[in-house]
Protein backbone atom coordinates (compact mmCIF):
# COMPACT_ATOMS: atom_id res chain seq x y z
CA MET A 1 -81.87 -21.32 32.61
CA LYS A 2 -79.14 -23.34 30.95
CA LYS A 3 -77.28 -21.64 28.14
CA THR A 4 -76.82 -23.54 24.92
CA ILE A 5 -73.33 -23.48 23.53
CA PRO A 6 -73.31 -22.98 19.75
CA PRO A 7 -71.40 -25.62 17.79
CA PRO A 8 -67.91 -24.57 16.75
CA ALA A 9 -67.65 -23.06 13.32
CA ARG A 10 -66.37 -25.55 10.81
CA ALA A 11 -63.14 -24.75 9.07
CA GLN A 12 -63.43 -23.46 5.55
CA GLY A 13 -61.30 -26.31 4.25
CA GLU A 14 -63.59 -28.87 5.84
CA ARG A 15 -66.63 -27.23 4.27
CA PHE A 16 -64.88 -27.30 0.89
CA LEU A 17 -64.17 -31.03 1.23
CA ASP A 18 -67.80 -31.64 2.11
CA ARG A 19 -68.92 -29.76 -0.99
CA PHE A 20 -66.43 -31.68 -3.08
CA ASP A 21 -67.68 -35.03 -1.78
CA ARG A 22 -71.22 -34.04 -2.76
CA MET A 23 -70.24 -33.21 -6.34
CA ALA A 24 -71.45 -35.34 -9.22
CA PRO A 25 -69.16 -38.32 -10.00
CA TRP A 26 -68.21 -36.96 -13.42
CA LYS A 27 -67.14 -33.66 -11.88
CA LYS A 28 -64.98 -35.46 -9.34
CA GLY A 29 -63.47 -37.50 -12.16
CA LEU A 30 -62.59 -34.39 -14.14
CA ALA A 31 -61.10 -32.79 -11.04
CA LEU A 32 -58.97 -35.89 -10.41
CA VAL A 33 -57.65 -35.96 -13.98
CA ALA A 34 -56.92 -32.21 -13.89
CA ILE A 35 -55.00 -32.51 -10.61
CA LEU A 36 -53.02 -35.53 -11.85
CA VAL A 37 -52.11 -33.73 -15.08
CA ALA A 38 -51.03 -30.66 -13.12
CA VAL A 39 -48.92 -32.73 -10.71
CA LEU A 40 -47.21 -34.69 -13.51
CA SER A 41 -46.55 -31.47 -15.42
CA ALA A 42 -44.97 -29.92 -12.34
CA LEU A 43 -42.84 -33.00 -11.63
CA MET A 44 -41.65 -33.54 -15.21
CA PRO A 45 -41.95 -30.26 -17.12
CA GLU A 46 -39.16 -31.20 -19.56
CA LEU A 47 -41.15 -34.23 -20.70
CA VAL A 48 -44.50 -32.47 -20.94
CA PHE A 49 -43.55 -29.05 -22.36
CA HIS A 50 -40.16 -29.57 -24.02
CA ASN A 51 -40.69 -33.03 -25.55
CA LYS A 52 -37.59 -34.46 -23.88
CA ILE A 53 -37.08 -38.11 -22.91
CA PHE A 54 -35.30 -39.98 -20.12
CA LEU A 55 -31.97 -41.27 -21.43
CA ALA A 56 -30.68 -44.07 -19.21
CA PRO A 57 -28.65 -47.21 -20.05
CA ASP A 58 -31.77 -49.36 -19.85
CA THR A 59 -33.46 -46.97 -22.28
CA GLN A 60 -30.62 -47.13 -24.80
CA ALA A 61 -30.42 -50.94 -24.81
CA PRO A 62 -33.82 -51.57 -26.48
CA MET A 63 -33.02 -49.07 -29.23
CA SER A 64 -31.30 -51.83 -31.21
CA PHE A 65 -34.53 -53.78 -31.28
CA ALA A 66 -36.44 -50.67 -32.27
CA ALA A 67 -34.03 -49.90 -35.12
CA VAL A 68 -34.32 -53.40 -36.57
CA GLY A 69 -38.08 -53.42 -36.07
CA GLU A 70 -38.57 -50.04 -37.72
CA LYS A 71 -36.55 -51.18 -40.73
CA ALA A 72 -38.67 -54.33 -41.06
CA LEU A 73 -41.89 -52.33 -40.81
CA ALA A 74 -40.66 -49.88 -43.43
CA GLU A 75 -40.02 -52.83 -45.76
CA GLY A 76 -43.54 -54.15 -45.19
CA ALA A 77 -42.63 -57.07 -42.91
CA TYR A 78 -43.62 -57.63 -39.29
CA PRO A 79 -40.48 -57.83 -37.06
CA LEU A 80 -40.27 -61.31 -35.52
CA TRP A 81 -36.50 -61.75 -35.25
CA ASN A 82 -33.43 -59.65 -34.46
CA PRO A 83 -30.38 -61.20 -36.16
CA TYR A 84 -27.87 -58.80 -34.60
CA LEU A 85 -28.02 -59.89 -30.94
CA PHE A 86 -26.78 -63.20 -29.48
CA CYS A 87 -26.43 -64.65 -32.99
CA GLY A 88 -30.14 -64.03 -33.42
CA MET A 89 -32.91 -63.45 -30.90
CA PRO A 90 -36.71 -63.44 -31.10
CA SER A 91 -38.13 -59.95 -31.29
CA TYR A 92 -41.84 -60.68 -30.98
CA ALA A 93 -41.64 -63.77 -28.74
CA SER A 94 -39.38 -61.97 -26.26
CA LEU A 95 -41.79 -58.99 -26.13
CA ALA A 96 -38.88 -56.72 -26.99
CA PHE A 97 -40.65 -55.15 -29.97
CA THR A 98 -44.26 -56.07 -30.66
CA PRO A 99 -45.97 -53.38 -32.75
CA TYR A 100 -49.75 -53.04 -32.94
CA VAL A 101 -50.36 -55.47 -30.06
CA TYR A 102 -50.78 -53.32 -26.96
CA PRO A 103 -54.11 -51.44 -27.37
CA PRO A 104 -53.26 -48.28 -25.34
CA SER A 105 -50.22 -47.69 -27.55
CA ILE A 106 -52.59 -47.04 -30.45
CA PHE A 107 -54.31 -44.33 -28.40
CA THR A 108 -51.09 -42.68 -27.24
CA TYR A 109 -49.65 -42.87 -30.77
CA ALA A 110 -52.72 -41.06 -32.11
CA LEU A 111 -52.22 -38.33 -29.51
CA GLN A 112 -48.61 -37.91 -30.63
CA ARG A 113 -49.25 -38.15 -34.33
CA TYR A 114 -52.29 -35.91 -34.65
CA LEU A 115 -52.27 -33.71 -31.53
CA HIS A 116 -48.47 -33.37 -31.18
CA PHE A 117 -48.29 -34.77 -27.65
CA PRO A 118 -44.76 -35.43 -26.27
CA GLU A 119 -42.86 -38.62 -27.10
CA LEU A 120 -43.22 -40.06 -23.60
CA THR A 121 -47.00 -39.72 -23.68
CA TRP A 122 -47.25 -43.49 -23.18
CA LEU A 123 -45.41 -43.23 -19.84
CA LEU A 124 -47.32 -40.18 -18.63
CA PHE A 125 -50.57 -41.87 -19.62
CA HIS A 126 -49.79 -44.86 -17.39
CA TYR A 127 -48.93 -42.62 -14.44
CA LEU A 128 -52.31 -41.01 -14.95
CA LEU A 129 -53.94 -44.43 -15.24
CA ALA A 130 -52.33 -45.53 -11.98
CA GLY A 131 -53.63 -42.51 -10.07
CA ILE A 132 -57.17 -43.05 -11.35
CA GLY A 133 -56.99 -46.74 -10.44
CA VAL A 134 -55.96 -46.06 -6.85
CA TYR A 135 -58.75 -43.48 -6.56
CA LEU A 136 -61.34 -46.03 -7.74
CA LEU A 137 -59.92 -48.68 -5.42
CA ALA A 138 -60.03 -46.36 -2.41
CA ARG A 139 -63.61 -45.37 -3.24
CA PHE A 140 -64.57 -49.03 -3.48
CA LEU A 141 -63.07 -49.63 -0.02
CA GLY A 142 -65.24 -46.87 1.45
CA ALA A 143 -62.93 -43.85 1.56
CA ARG A 144 -64.45 -40.46 0.88
CA ALA A 145 -63.80 -38.86 -2.49
CA SER A 146 -61.31 -36.26 -1.24
CA VAL A 147 -59.24 -38.87 0.60
CA SER A 148 -59.38 -41.22 -2.39
CA MET A 149 -58.14 -38.42 -4.64
CA LEU A 150 -55.23 -37.75 -2.31
CA ALA A 151 -54.37 -41.46 -2.37
CA GLY A 152 -54.42 -41.53 -6.18
CA VAL A 153 -52.24 -38.44 -6.55
CA THR A 154 -49.79 -39.71 -3.90
CA PHE A 155 -49.47 -43.07 -5.62
CA ALA A 156 -48.86 -41.53 -9.05
CA MET A 157 -46.08 -39.26 -7.73
CA MET A 158 -44.26 -41.77 -5.50
CA PRO A 159 -40.51 -41.23 -5.99
CA ASN A 160 -39.76 -44.90 -6.61
CA TYR A 161 -42.58 -45.16 -9.13
CA ILE A 162 -41.37 -42.11 -11.04
CA ALA A 163 -37.80 -43.43 -10.89
CA ILE A 164 -38.84 -46.74 -12.47
CA GLY A 165 -39.92 -44.95 -15.63
CA ALA A 166 -37.00 -42.52 -15.53
CA ASN A 167 -34.43 -45.33 -15.41
CA GLY A 168 -35.68 -47.13 -18.48
CA HIS A 169 -38.05 -49.66 -16.90
CA GLY A 170 -41.12 -48.37 -18.69
CA SER A 171 -42.76 -51.78 -18.94
CA GLN A 172 -42.69 -52.08 -15.13
CA ALA A 173 -44.23 -48.63 -14.75
CA CYS A 174 -46.95 -49.60 -17.22
CA SER A 175 -47.65 -52.90 -15.45
CA ILE A 176 -47.86 -51.24 -12.03
CA ALA A 177 -50.59 -48.97 -13.38
CA TYR A 178 -52.88 -52.00 -13.70
CA MET A 179 -52.36 -53.27 -10.14
CA PRO A 180 -55.16 -51.23 -8.49
CA TYR A 181 -57.59 -52.33 -11.21
CA ALA A 182 -56.63 -55.98 -10.69
CA LEU A 183 -57.19 -55.62 -6.94
CA LEU A 184 -60.52 -53.87 -7.51
CA VAL A 185 -61.76 -56.61 -9.83
CA ALA A 186 -60.46 -59.37 -7.53
CA TRP A 187 -62.31 -57.88 -4.55
CA ASN A 188 -65.52 -57.80 -6.58
CA ILE A 189 -65.05 -61.47 -7.43
CA MET A 190 -64.52 -62.40 -3.78
CA ARG A 191 -67.66 -60.49 -2.81
CA GLY A 192 -69.67 -62.30 -5.45
CA HIS A 193 -70.45 -59.20 -7.51
CA LYS A 194 -70.83 -60.07 -11.23
CA ARG A 195 -68.26 -62.81 -10.92
CA ILE A 196 -68.23 -63.89 -14.56
CA THR A 197 -67.84 -60.34 -15.85
CA MET A 198 -65.22 -59.46 -13.25
CA ALA A 199 -63.32 -62.69 -13.92
CA ALA A 200 -63.20 -61.76 -17.60
CA PHE A 201 -61.81 -58.33 -16.70
CA LEU A 202 -59.24 -59.94 -14.40
CA ALA A 203 -58.18 -62.32 -17.17
CA VAL A 204 -57.56 -59.33 -19.43
CA ILE A 205 -55.76 -57.19 -16.82
CA SER A 206 -53.56 -59.79 -15.09
CA PRO A 207 -51.33 -60.98 -17.96
CA ILE A 208 -50.70 -57.50 -19.34
CA ASP A 209 -47.01 -56.82 -19.84
CA PRO A 210 -46.69 -53.65 -21.91
CA SER A 211 -43.03 -54.14 -22.77
CA PHE A 212 -43.84 -52.72 -26.17
CA CYS A 213 -44.74 -49.23 -24.92
CA PRO A 214 -41.73 -47.73 -26.78
CA LEU A 215 -43.56 -48.64 -30.00
CA THR A 216 -45.23 -45.25 -29.77
CA THR A 217 -41.91 -43.45 -30.09
CA ALA A 218 -40.84 -45.65 -32.99
CA LEU A 219 -44.07 -45.10 -34.90
CA SER A 220 -43.89 -41.37 -34.23
CA LYS A 221 -40.38 -41.17 -35.72
CA MET A 222 -41.47 -43.19 -38.76
CA SER A 223 -44.44 -40.92 -39.39
CA LYS A 224 -42.21 -37.84 -39.19
CA LYS A 225 -39.82 -39.32 -41.77
CA GLN A 226 -42.68 -40.14 -44.12
CA SER A 227 -44.20 -36.66 -43.79
C-alpha cells in the first residue's frame, strides 16, 4: 500500500499574504496608505513631526517670487509680474508663482490651515500619491495585491525620488507622482477600455506641472500673520 505524503506546511508569512490578498479592496487601500504614511514618517521625521523644511539653494531661489507674490496678494492683486528679477519677469506665465491654480494645493493648504499639518504637506502628499499610483498600476498589470503594495512603497521611498524633493525640485517630485496614473490611463486607451473617458483623464494628467506647490507654504504664512 502506497503511503501518501502530506503536503508541506505553508509558511506563516505566505498564509498572511494570502489572507491579505483576499481582503476587501477598501481594506487593502487603507493598509497601503497606512504603510506609506509610516514609511514617510520614518524617513523624514523632522518634516512630519517637527514641521521643518528642506533648505537647499534651489529652495531659496523661488523665495523672491513668493515674497513679491505674497505682497501682491495682500494688496488685493493677483501676482502676474516680478519687477525685481532680470529687469522684470513674468510670475504667472513662467509658472514661478501661480496661486489658486493647482487644485491639490487647495487640499494641502486646508490640511495645514485647519488641521495644523506640516509646511511640506504638499511634498509628502505627492510622495503618497506616487506610491498609490504605482500600486494601482501594478494591480492593473496583474500583480497580486501584496506585491503591488511593495512596488508602491519602494517607488515612494526611492533615494533619488526623495532627493529630488529634498534639493528644491519640488515641481519635479510632484510631476513624477502623476506618471503611474498617466501610464495606467494610456494602457486603458490602448486596450480600448472607455477610450473617451480615459483620453479625457490623460488630457488632464499629462500637462500637469505643479511648479506652484510652494503656494501652500506662502498661504500658510499669510494666514498666520492675519490670525
